[in-house]
N, C-alpha and C. Protein backbone atom coordinates (compact mmCIF):
# COMPACT_ATOMS: atom_id res chain seq x y z
N MET A 1 22.85 -66.10 10.91
CA MET A 1 23.10 -64.93 11.71
C MET A 1 22.74 -63.66 10.95
N LYS A 2 23.05 -63.68 9.66
CA LYS A 2 22.74 -62.53 8.86
C LYS A 2 21.23 -62.33 8.76
N ILE A 3 20.48 -63.37 8.74
CA ILE A 3 19.03 -63.27 8.63
C ILE A 3 18.47 -62.68 9.92
N THR A 4 19.00 -63.04 11.04
CA THR A 4 18.53 -62.54 12.32
C THR A 4 18.78 -61.03 12.43
N ILE A 5 19.90 -60.57 11.97
CA ILE A 5 20.21 -59.14 12.01
C ILE A 5 19.26 -58.38 11.09
N ARG A 6 18.98 -58.97 9.92
CA ARG A 6 18.05 -58.33 8.99
C ARG A 6 16.65 -58.27 9.60
N ARG A 7 16.24 -59.37 10.22
CA ARG A 7 14.91 -59.39 10.83
C ARG A 7 14.85 -58.38 11.98
N ARG A 8 15.93 -58.31 12.76
CA ARG A 8 15.95 -57.38 13.89
C ARG A 8 15.86 -55.93 13.38
N SER A 9 16.64 -55.53 12.38
CA SER A 9 16.59 -54.17 11.85
C SER A 9 15.24 -53.89 11.18
N LEU A 10 14.66 -54.91 10.53
CA LEU A 10 13.33 -54.73 9.94
C LEU A 10 12.30 -54.52 11.03
N ALA A 11 12.40 -55.24 12.12
CA ALA A 11 11.47 -55.09 13.24
C ALA A 11 11.62 -53.70 13.87
N ILE A 12 12.85 -53.22 14.02
CA ILE A 12 13.09 -51.88 14.59
C ILE A 12 12.52 -50.81 13.67
N ALA A 13 12.72 -50.95 12.36
CA ALA A 13 12.18 -49.99 11.39
C ALA A 13 10.66 -49.98 11.43
N ALA A 14 10.04 -51.15 11.50
CA ALA A 14 8.58 -51.23 11.57
C ALA A 14 8.08 -50.61 12.86
N LEU A 15 8.77 -50.84 13.95
CA LEU A 15 8.39 -50.27 15.23
C LEU A 15 8.46 -48.74 15.18
N MET A 16 9.52 -48.20 14.61
CA MET A 16 9.68 -46.74 14.51
C MET A 16 8.63 -46.15 13.59
N LEU A 17 8.33 -46.84 12.50
CA LEU A 17 7.31 -46.36 11.57
C LEU A 17 5.95 -46.36 12.25
N GLY A 18 5.67 -47.38 13.01
CA GLY A 18 4.39 -47.46 13.72
C GLY A 18 4.28 -46.39 14.79
N ALA A 19 5.37 -46.06 15.46
CA ALA A 19 5.35 -45.06 16.53
C ALA A 19 5.16 -43.66 15.96
N SER A 20 5.68 -43.42 14.77
CA SER A 20 5.58 -42.07 14.19
C SER A 20 4.38 -41.90 13.29
N CYS A 21 3.55 -42.87 13.14
CA CYS A 21 2.40 -42.80 12.24
C CYS A 21 1.42 -41.71 12.66
N GLY A 22 1.14 -41.56 13.94
CA GLY A 22 0.20 -40.54 14.40
C GLY A 22 0.69 -39.15 14.08
N THR A 23 1.95 -38.88 14.27
CA THR A 23 2.53 -37.58 13.98
C THR A 23 2.54 -37.30 12.50
N VAL A 24 2.84 -38.28 11.72
CA VAL A 24 2.90 -38.10 10.27
C VAL A 24 1.54 -37.75 9.73
N SER A 25 0.50 -38.42 10.21
CA SER A 25 -0.82 -38.14 9.67
C SER A 25 -1.26 -36.73 10.04
N ALA A 26 -0.92 -36.25 11.24
CA ALA A 26 -1.29 -34.88 11.63
C ALA A 26 -0.55 -33.89 10.74
N ASP A 27 0.74 -34.10 10.52
CA ASP A 27 1.50 -33.21 9.65
C ASP A 27 1.01 -33.31 8.22
N TRP A 28 0.57 -34.45 7.79
CA TRP A 28 0.08 -34.66 6.44
C TRP A 28 -1.17 -33.82 6.18
N HIS A 29 -2.10 -33.81 7.14
CA HIS A 29 -3.31 -33.00 6.99
C HIS A 29 -2.97 -31.51 7.00
N GLN A 30 -2.06 -31.13 7.86
CA GLN A 30 -1.65 -29.73 7.91
C GLN A 30 -0.97 -29.33 6.60
N PHE A 31 -0.17 -30.22 6.04
CA PHE A 31 0.50 -29.95 4.77
C PHE A 31 -0.52 -29.69 3.67
N TRP A 32 -1.53 -30.56 3.54
CA TRP A 32 -2.52 -30.38 2.47
C TRP A 32 -3.39 -29.16 2.72
N HIS A 33 -3.68 -28.87 3.97
CA HIS A 33 -4.45 -27.65 4.26
C HIS A 33 -3.66 -26.42 3.83
N GLN A 34 -2.36 -26.37 4.17
CA GLN A 34 -1.53 -25.23 3.79
C GLN A 34 -1.37 -25.14 2.28
N ALA A 35 -1.27 -26.31 1.61
CA ALA A 35 -1.19 -26.30 0.14
C ALA A 35 -2.46 -25.72 -0.46
N ASN A 36 -3.60 -26.03 0.12
CA ASN A 36 -4.88 -25.51 -0.37
C ASN A 36 -4.94 -23.99 -0.15
N VAL A 37 -4.53 -23.55 1.03
CA VAL A 37 -4.51 -22.10 1.31
C VAL A 37 -3.58 -21.39 0.34
N ASP A 38 -2.39 -21.93 0.12
CA ASP A 38 -1.43 -21.31 -0.80
C ASP A 38 -1.97 -21.26 -2.22
N TYR A 39 -2.67 -22.31 -2.63
CA TYR A 39 -3.24 -22.35 -3.97
C TYR A 39 -4.26 -21.22 -4.15
N HIS A 40 -5.16 -21.06 -3.19
CA HIS A 40 -6.18 -20.01 -3.30
C HIS A 40 -5.57 -18.61 -3.15
N ARG A 41 -4.55 -18.49 -2.31
CA ARG A 41 -3.88 -17.20 -2.18
C ARG A 41 -3.17 -16.82 -3.47
N GLY A 42 -2.55 -17.82 -4.12
CA GLY A 42 -1.88 -17.55 -5.39
C GLY A 42 -2.87 -17.15 -6.48
N ASN A 43 -4.06 -17.77 -6.49
CA ASN A 43 -5.07 -17.41 -7.50
C ASN A 43 -5.68 -16.04 -7.23
N ALA A 44 -5.72 -15.61 -5.98
CA ALA A 44 -6.30 -14.31 -5.64
C ALA A 44 -5.28 -13.18 -5.72
N TRP A 45 -4.01 -13.51 -5.93
CA TRP A 45 -2.96 -12.50 -5.94
C TRP A 45 -3.25 -11.47 -7.02
N PRO A 46 -3.05 -10.21 -6.83
CA PRO A 46 -2.43 -9.49 -5.72
C PRO A 46 -3.44 -8.90 -4.74
N ASP A 47 -4.73 -9.22 -4.90
CA ASP A 47 -5.75 -8.57 -4.07
C ASP A 47 -5.50 -8.63 -2.57
N PRO A 48 -5.12 -9.76 -1.98
CA PRO A 48 -4.94 -9.75 -0.53
C PRO A 48 -3.81 -8.84 -0.05
N PHE A 49 -2.91 -8.46 -0.95
CA PHE A 49 -1.73 -7.70 -0.54
C PHE A 49 -1.80 -6.23 -0.93
N ASN A 50 -2.81 -5.83 -1.71
CA ASN A 50 -2.90 -4.44 -2.17
C ASN A 50 -3.05 -3.46 -1.01
N GLU A 51 -3.90 -3.77 -0.04
CA GLU A 51 -4.12 -2.85 1.06
C GLU A 51 -2.86 -2.66 1.89
N ALA A 52 -2.16 -3.74 2.19
CA ALA A 52 -0.92 -3.62 2.96
C ALA A 52 0.13 -2.81 2.19
N ASP A 53 0.21 -3.02 0.87
CA ASP A 53 1.15 -2.25 0.06
C ASP A 53 0.78 -0.77 0.05
N ALA A 54 -0.52 -0.48 -0.06
CA ALA A 54 -0.97 0.91 -0.08
C ALA A 54 -0.64 1.60 1.25
N ILE A 55 -0.83 0.89 2.35
CA ILE A 55 -0.51 1.47 3.67
C ILE A 55 0.98 1.74 3.76
N ASN A 56 1.81 0.83 3.26
CA ASN A 56 3.26 1.03 3.31
C ASN A 56 3.72 2.19 2.44
N VAL A 57 2.99 2.46 1.35
CA VAL A 57 3.34 3.60 0.49
C VAL A 57 2.95 4.91 1.15
N VAL A 58 1.79 4.95 1.80
CA VAL A 58 1.26 6.19 2.37
C VAL A 58 1.91 6.54 3.70
N GLN A 59 2.38 5.56 4.43
CA GLN A 59 2.89 5.79 5.78
C GLN A 59 4.00 6.85 5.87
N PRO A 60 5.01 6.86 5.00
CA PRO A 60 6.02 7.93 5.12
C PRO A 60 5.44 9.33 4.92
N PHE A 61 4.43 9.45 4.06
CA PHE A 61 3.82 10.76 3.85
C PHE A 61 3.02 11.20 5.07
N GLU A 62 2.41 10.25 5.76
CA GLU A 62 1.69 10.57 7.00
C GLU A 62 2.67 11.08 8.05
N VAL A 63 3.85 10.48 8.13
CA VAL A 63 4.88 10.94 9.07
C VAL A 63 5.32 12.36 8.70
N MET A 64 5.48 12.61 7.40
CA MET A 64 5.88 13.96 6.96
C MET A 64 4.81 14.99 7.29
N LYS A 65 3.53 14.64 7.08
CA LYS A 65 2.45 15.57 7.41
C LYS A 65 2.43 15.85 8.91
N HIS A 66 2.60 14.81 9.72
CA HIS A 66 2.62 15.01 11.17
C HIS A 66 3.77 15.92 11.57
N ASN A 67 4.95 15.70 11.01
CA ASN A 67 6.11 16.53 11.35
C ASN A 67 5.90 17.97 10.89
N GLY A 68 5.25 18.17 9.74
CA GLY A 68 4.97 19.52 9.26
C GLY A 68 4.01 20.25 10.19
N TRP A 69 2.94 19.57 10.59
CA TRP A 69 2.00 20.20 11.53
C TRP A 69 2.66 20.44 12.87
N ARG A 70 3.52 19.53 13.29
CA ARG A 70 4.21 19.72 14.57
C ARG A 70 5.10 20.96 14.50
N MET A 71 5.81 21.12 13.41
CA MET A 71 6.67 22.29 13.25
C MET A 71 5.82 23.57 13.21
N HIS A 72 4.69 23.52 12.50
CA HIS A 72 3.83 24.70 12.40
C HIS A 72 3.21 25.07 13.73
N ASN A 73 2.86 24.07 14.53
CA ASN A 73 2.17 24.31 15.80
C ASN A 73 3.12 24.45 16.98
N THR A 74 4.41 24.56 16.73
CA THR A 74 5.37 24.76 17.81
C THR A 74 5.48 26.25 18.13
N ILE A 75 5.27 26.57 19.38
CA ILE A 75 5.41 27.95 19.84
C ILE A 75 6.85 28.09 20.33
N GLY A 76 7.66 28.81 19.53
CA GLY A 76 9.10 28.89 19.80
C GLY A 76 9.48 30.05 20.69
N HIS A 77 10.79 30.21 20.86
CA HIS A 77 11.34 31.24 21.74
C HIS A 77 10.89 32.64 21.35
N ASP A 78 10.79 32.91 20.05
CA ASP A 78 10.47 34.26 19.59
C ASP A 78 9.03 34.66 19.88
N LEU A 79 8.16 33.72 20.25
CA LEU A 79 6.76 34.04 20.54
C LEU A 79 6.49 34.20 22.04
N PHE A 80 7.54 34.13 22.85
CA PHE A 80 7.42 34.34 24.29
C PHE A 80 8.28 35.54 24.68
N ARG A 81 7.86 36.24 25.73
CA ARG A 81 8.69 37.32 26.25
C ARG A 81 9.91 36.72 26.92
N GLN A 82 11.02 37.41 26.81
CA GLN A 82 12.27 36.93 27.39
C GLN A 82 12.18 36.96 28.91
N GLY A 83 12.48 35.84 29.54
CA GLY A 83 12.58 35.80 31.00
C GLY A 83 11.34 35.29 31.71
N ASP A 84 10.15 35.90 31.48
CA ASP A 84 8.99 35.50 32.28
C ASP A 84 8.10 34.46 31.59
N GLY A 85 8.31 34.17 30.31
CA GLY A 85 7.57 33.11 29.62
C GLY A 85 6.16 33.48 29.20
N ALA A 86 5.79 34.76 29.25
CA ALA A 86 4.46 35.17 28.81
C ALA A 86 4.44 35.23 27.28
N LEU A 87 3.28 34.91 26.70
CA LEU A 87 3.14 34.94 25.24
C LEU A 87 3.14 36.37 24.73
N SER A 88 3.76 36.59 23.59
CA SER A 88 3.69 37.89 22.93
C SER A 88 2.36 37.95 22.16
N ALA A 89 2.09 39.09 21.54
CA ALA A 89 0.86 39.24 20.76
C ALA A 89 0.83 38.23 19.61
N SER A 90 1.98 38.05 18.96
CA SER A 90 2.06 37.06 17.87
C SER A 90 1.84 35.66 18.40
N GLY A 91 2.36 35.37 19.58
CA GLY A 91 2.16 34.07 20.19
C GLY A 91 0.70 33.82 20.52
N ASN A 92 0.01 34.85 21.04
CA ASN A 92 -1.42 34.72 21.31
C ASN A 92 -2.19 34.43 20.02
N ASN A 93 -1.84 35.14 18.95
CA ASN A 93 -2.51 34.91 17.67
C ASN A 93 -2.26 33.49 17.15
N ARG A 94 -1.04 33.01 17.29
CA ARG A 94 -0.72 31.66 16.82
C ARG A 94 -1.50 30.61 17.61
N VAL A 95 -1.55 30.76 18.93
CA VAL A 95 -2.28 29.81 19.77
C VAL A 95 -3.77 29.85 19.42
N CYS A 96 -4.32 31.05 19.24
CA CYS A 96 -5.74 31.17 18.85
C CYS A 96 -5.99 30.51 17.51
N TRP A 97 -5.09 30.68 16.56
CA TRP A 97 -5.26 30.06 15.25
C TRP A 97 -5.25 28.54 15.37
N ILE A 98 -4.32 28.00 16.13
CA ILE A 98 -4.24 26.54 16.31
C ILE A 98 -5.54 26.03 16.94
N ALA A 99 -6.07 26.76 17.93
CA ALA A 99 -7.26 26.31 18.66
C ALA A 99 -8.53 26.40 17.83
N THR A 100 -8.57 27.32 16.87
CA THR A 100 -9.83 27.54 16.15
C THR A 100 -9.77 27.19 14.67
N GLN A 101 -8.63 27.31 14.03
CA GLN A 101 -8.57 27.16 12.57
C GLN A 101 -7.93 25.87 12.09
N ALA A 102 -7.01 25.32 12.86
CA ALA A 102 -6.33 24.09 12.43
C ALA A 102 -7.35 22.95 12.40
N PRO A 103 -7.14 21.95 11.54
CA PRO A 103 -8.04 20.79 11.54
C PRO A 103 -8.08 20.17 12.94
N GLU A 104 -9.23 19.65 13.33
CA GLU A 104 -9.40 19.15 14.70
C GLU A 104 -8.37 18.08 15.06
N SER A 105 -8.00 17.26 14.09
CA SER A 105 -7.01 16.22 14.40
C SER A 105 -5.61 16.78 14.57
N ARG A 106 -5.39 18.03 14.20
CA ARG A 106 -4.06 18.65 14.29
C ARG A 106 -4.00 19.75 15.34
N ARG A 107 -4.98 19.83 16.21
CA ARG A 107 -5.02 20.89 17.22
C ARG A 107 -4.23 20.49 18.46
N THR A 108 -2.95 20.48 18.33
CA THR A 108 -2.03 20.24 19.45
C THR A 108 -1.03 21.38 19.46
N VAL A 109 -0.85 21.99 20.63
CA VAL A 109 0.10 23.10 20.76
C VAL A 109 1.38 22.54 21.36
N TYR A 110 2.49 22.71 20.65
CA TYR A 110 3.80 22.28 21.14
C TYR A 110 4.53 23.52 21.66
N VAL A 111 4.94 23.46 22.90
CA VAL A 111 5.64 24.58 23.54
C VAL A 111 7.11 24.22 23.63
N LEU A 112 7.95 25.07 23.09
CA LEU A 112 9.39 24.83 23.13
C LEU A 112 9.90 25.02 24.55
N ARG A 113 10.66 24.06 25.03
CA ARG A 113 11.17 24.08 26.40
C ARG A 113 12.03 25.33 26.62
N GLY A 114 11.87 25.96 27.78
CA GLY A 114 12.64 27.16 28.13
C GLY A 114 14.01 26.80 28.66
N LYS A 115 14.74 27.83 29.10
CA LYS A 115 16.09 27.62 29.63
C LYS A 115 16.07 26.98 31.01
N SER A 116 14.96 27.13 31.72
CA SER A 116 14.85 26.54 33.06
C SER A 116 13.47 25.91 33.19
N PRO A 117 13.30 25.01 34.17
CA PRO A 117 11.97 24.42 34.37
C PRO A 117 10.92 25.46 34.73
N GLU A 118 11.31 26.52 35.47
CA GLU A 118 10.36 27.58 35.82
C GLU A 118 9.87 28.31 34.58
N GLU A 119 10.80 28.60 33.66
CA GLU A 119 10.42 29.29 32.42
C GLU A 119 9.51 28.39 31.57
N THR A 120 9.81 27.10 31.53
CA THR A 120 8.97 26.17 30.77
C THR A 120 7.57 26.11 31.36
N ASN A 121 7.47 26.03 32.69
CA ASN A 121 6.16 26.00 33.35
C ASN A 121 5.39 27.30 33.11
N ALA A 122 6.10 28.43 33.10
CA ALA A 122 5.45 29.71 32.84
C ALA A 122 4.93 29.76 31.40
N ARG A 123 5.69 29.21 30.46
CA ARG A 123 5.25 29.17 29.06
C ARG A 123 3.98 28.33 28.91
N VAL A 124 3.98 27.16 29.53
CA VAL A 124 2.81 26.27 29.44
C VAL A 124 1.59 26.95 30.08
N ALA A 125 1.80 27.60 31.22
CA ALA A 125 0.69 28.29 31.89
C ALA A 125 0.15 29.42 31.03
N SER A 126 1.04 30.14 30.37
CA SER A 126 0.62 31.24 29.50
C SER A 126 -0.19 30.72 28.30
N VAL A 127 0.24 29.61 27.72
CA VAL A 127 -0.51 29.01 26.60
C VAL A 127 -1.86 28.53 27.07
N ARG A 128 -1.92 27.88 28.22
CA ARG A 128 -3.21 27.39 28.76
C ARG A 128 -4.14 28.54 29.09
N GLN A 129 -3.58 29.65 29.58
CA GLN A 129 -4.41 30.82 29.89
C GLN A 129 -5.00 31.39 28.60
N THR A 130 -4.21 31.45 27.55
CA THR A 130 -4.72 31.93 26.26
C THR A 130 -5.79 30.99 25.73
N LEU A 131 -5.57 29.69 25.84
CA LEU A 131 -6.56 28.72 25.37
C LEU A 131 -7.87 28.84 26.14
N ALA A 132 -7.79 29.17 27.44
CA ALA A 132 -9.00 29.31 28.25
C ALA A 132 -9.82 30.51 27.81
N SER A 133 -9.17 31.52 27.25
CA SER A 133 -9.90 32.72 26.83
C SER A 133 -10.44 32.63 25.41
N VAL A 134 -10.12 31.56 24.69
CA VAL A 134 -10.56 31.41 23.29
C VAL A 134 -11.83 30.58 23.25
N HIS A 135 -12.82 31.07 22.49
CA HIS A 135 -14.04 30.28 22.28
C HIS A 135 -13.78 29.32 21.13
N MET A 136 -13.84 28.02 21.43
CA MET A 136 -13.55 27.04 20.39
C MET A 136 -14.60 25.94 20.42
N VAL A 137 -14.76 25.31 19.27
CA VAL A 137 -15.68 24.19 19.15
C VAL A 137 -14.90 22.91 19.36
N GLY A 138 -15.42 22.03 20.19
CA GLY A 138 -14.73 20.77 20.44
C GLY A 138 -13.84 20.85 21.66
N PRO A 139 -13.10 19.78 21.91
CA PRO A 139 -12.23 19.75 23.09
C PRO A 139 -11.05 20.72 22.93
N PRO A 140 -10.53 21.20 24.05
CA PRO A 140 -9.38 22.11 23.95
C PRO A 140 -8.15 21.37 23.45
N PRO A 141 -7.27 22.08 22.76
CA PRO A 141 -6.06 21.43 22.25
C PRO A 141 -5.16 20.95 23.38
N GLN A 142 -4.44 19.90 23.09
CA GLN A 142 -3.47 19.36 24.04
C GLN A 142 -2.22 20.25 23.99
N VAL A 143 -1.61 20.48 25.13
CA VAL A 143 -0.38 21.27 25.21
C VAL A 143 0.76 20.33 25.58
N ILE A 144 1.77 20.26 24.71
CA ILE A 144 2.89 19.34 24.90
C ILE A 144 4.20 20.13 24.87
N VAL A 145 5.06 19.84 25.81
CA VAL A 145 6.39 20.47 25.84
C VAL A 145 7.30 19.68 24.91
N THR A 146 8.04 20.40 24.07
CA THR A 146 8.94 19.76 23.12
C THR A 146 10.32 20.41 23.18
N GLU A 147 11.29 19.66 22.71
CA GLU A 147 12.66 20.20 22.62
C GLU A 147 13.07 20.38 21.16
N LYS A 148 12.20 20.01 20.25
CA LYS A 148 12.52 20.07 18.82
C LYS A 148 12.23 21.48 18.30
N GLU A 149 13.28 22.23 18.06
CA GLU A 149 13.14 23.61 17.61
C GLU A 149 13.01 23.64 16.09
N GLN A 150 12.09 24.47 15.61
CA GLN A 150 11.89 24.56 14.17
C GLN A 150 13.03 25.35 13.54
N PRO A 151 13.44 24.92 12.35
CA PRO A 151 14.53 25.64 11.68
C PRO A 151 14.02 26.99 11.17
N THR A 152 14.72 28.03 11.53
CA THR A 152 14.33 29.37 11.09
C THR A 152 15.57 30.13 10.64
N ALA A 153 15.32 31.26 10.00
CA ALA A 153 16.41 32.13 9.57
C ALA A 153 15.99 33.56 9.86
N PRO A 154 16.95 34.46 10.07
CA PRO A 154 16.60 35.86 10.30
C PRO A 154 15.89 36.44 9.06
N GLY A 155 14.91 37.28 9.29
CA GLY A 155 14.14 37.87 8.20
C GLY A 155 15.00 38.71 7.26
N ALA A 156 15.96 39.48 7.80
CA ALA A 156 16.82 40.32 6.96
C ALA A 156 17.63 39.46 5.99
N TRP A 157 18.11 38.33 6.47
CA TRP A 157 18.89 37.42 5.63
C TRP A 157 18.02 36.86 4.50
N ALA A 158 16.79 36.45 4.82
CA ALA A 158 15.88 35.91 3.81
C ALA A 158 15.51 36.97 2.78
N VAL A 159 15.30 38.21 3.21
CA VAL A 159 14.97 39.30 2.28
C VAL A 159 16.15 39.57 1.36
N ARG A 160 17.37 39.55 1.90
CA ARG A 160 18.56 39.78 1.07
C ARG A 160 18.70 38.70 0.00
N ILE A 161 18.48 37.44 0.37
CA ILE A 161 18.55 36.34 -0.61
C ILE A 161 17.50 36.54 -1.70
N GLN A 162 16.28 36.89 -1.32
CA GLN A 162 15.20 37.11 -2.29
C GLN A 162 15.53 38.26 -3.24
N ARG A 163 16.04 39.36 -2.71
CA ARG A 163 16.35 40.53 -3.56
C ARG A 163 17.53 40.24 -4.49
N ASP A 164 18.55 39.54 -3.99
CA ASP A 164 19.67 39.17 -4.85
C ASP A 164 19.20 38.27 -5.99
N TRP A 165 18.30 37.35 -5.69
CA TRP A 165 17.78 36.46 -6.73
C TRP A 165 16.97 37.25 -7.76
N MET A 166 16.19 38.21 -7.32
CA MET A 166 15.38 39.02 -8.25
C MET A 166 16.27 39.86 -9.18
N GLU A 167 17.45 40.29 -8.70
CA GLU A 167 18.35 41.10 -9.52
C GLU A 167 18.96 40.29 -10.65
N VAL A 168 19.27 39.02 -10.43
CA VAL A 168 19.91 38.21 -11.47
C VAL A 168 18.90 37.47 -12.33
N LEU A 169 17.63 37.54 -12.00
CA LEU A 169 16.59 36.87 -12.77
C LEU A 169 16.43 37.58 -14.11
N PRO A 170 16.51 36.89 -15.25
CA PRO A 170 16.36 37.56 -16.53
C PRO A 170 14.95 38.12 -16.71
N LYS A 171 14.87 39.22 -17.45
CA LYS A 171 13.58 39.85 -17.72
C LYS A 171 12.76 38.94 -18.64
N PRO A 172 11.45 38.87 -18.44
CA PRO A 172 10.62 38.04 -19.33
C PRO A 172 10.67 38.59 -20.75
N LYS A 173 10.71 37.68 -21.74
CA LYS A 173 10.86 38.11 -23.13
C LYS A 173 10.06 37.15 -24.01
N LEU A 174 9.30 37.71 -24.95
CA LEU A 174 8.55 36.87 -25.87
C LEU A 174 9.49 36.29 -26.92
N PRO A 175 9.18 35.10 -27.46
CA PRO A 175 10.07 34.49 -28.46
C PRO A 175 10.06 35.28 -29.78
N GLU A 176 11.16 35.19 -30.54
CA GLU A 176 11.29 35.88 -31.83
C GLU A 176 10.34 35.30 -32.87
N ARG A 177 10.17 34.00 -32.87
CA ARG A 177 9.31 33.32 -33.85
C ARG A 177 8.34 32.40 -33.12
N SER A 178 7.20 32.17 -33.71
CA SER A 178 6.21 31.28 -33.11
C SER A 178 6.56 29.82 -33.44
N ALA A 179 5.78 28.90 -32.97
CA ALA A 179 6.03 27.48 -33.21
C ALA A 179 5.87 27.14 -34.69
N GLN A 180 5.02 27.88 -35.43
CA GLN A 180 4.84 27.59 -36.87
C GLN A 180 5.91 28.26 -37.73
N GLY A 181 6.77 29.06 -37.15
CA GLY A 181 7.83 29.70 -37.90
C GLY A 181 7.49 31.13 -38.30
N ASP A 182 6.30 31.61 -37.96
CA ASP A 182 5.91 32.98 -38.29
C ASP A 182 6.61 33.95 -37.34
N ALA A 183 6.57 35.19 -37.71
CA ALA A 183 7.15 36.22 -36.84
C ALA A 183 6.35 36.25 -35.54
N GLY A 184 7.05 36.31 -34.43
CA GLY A 184 6.39 36.26 -33.14
C GLY A 184 5.81 37.61 -32.74
N ALA A 185 5.25 37.64 -31.56
CA ALA A 185 4.60 38.84 -31.05
C ALA A 185 5.62 39.88 -30.63
N ALA A 186 6.88 39.51 -30.56
CA ALA A 186 7.92 40.44 -30.12
C ALA A 186 8.20 41.51 -31.17
N GLU A 187 7.82 41.26 -32.43
CA GLU A 187 8.15 42.23 -33.49
C GLU A 187 7.11 43.27 -33.66
């Protein structure tokens, strides 16, 4: 009886091995192919990964450059007349500069959203009217409405900070002795 059970389990094992042979051979070839790829990738290291690493290093700086240009090209509240959304003289100059002087890839005018949809539409129309009057090379800049206001400070406050700093700044003074130990130019 024990021999029959052994023969039966041996027959079942052989049957299972025979049924899975096709799958094993396919996985076996895939295994050796992947081992070959890994071997060559390891020998070529780090060359295949340098470009991806370089892109990952540069990408945050590209985002910073884009945000800086976006902030610079935003036409804020102070460049529009209060109420009707018409551009002031400074606003006209800023729009003209963006359309003609900014690098072509950075020629996008961001218009800060007004207090009402009518004011926002008037601002966009005023910017487009100014762009239509400017002679520029290449396609006209895109006009985009934004809600991201650039951080600013009142001019009087900035001047006061600058003047206070200049008052406490020590006066320039030549050293008493030179690096060789001789009497310096101050004497």
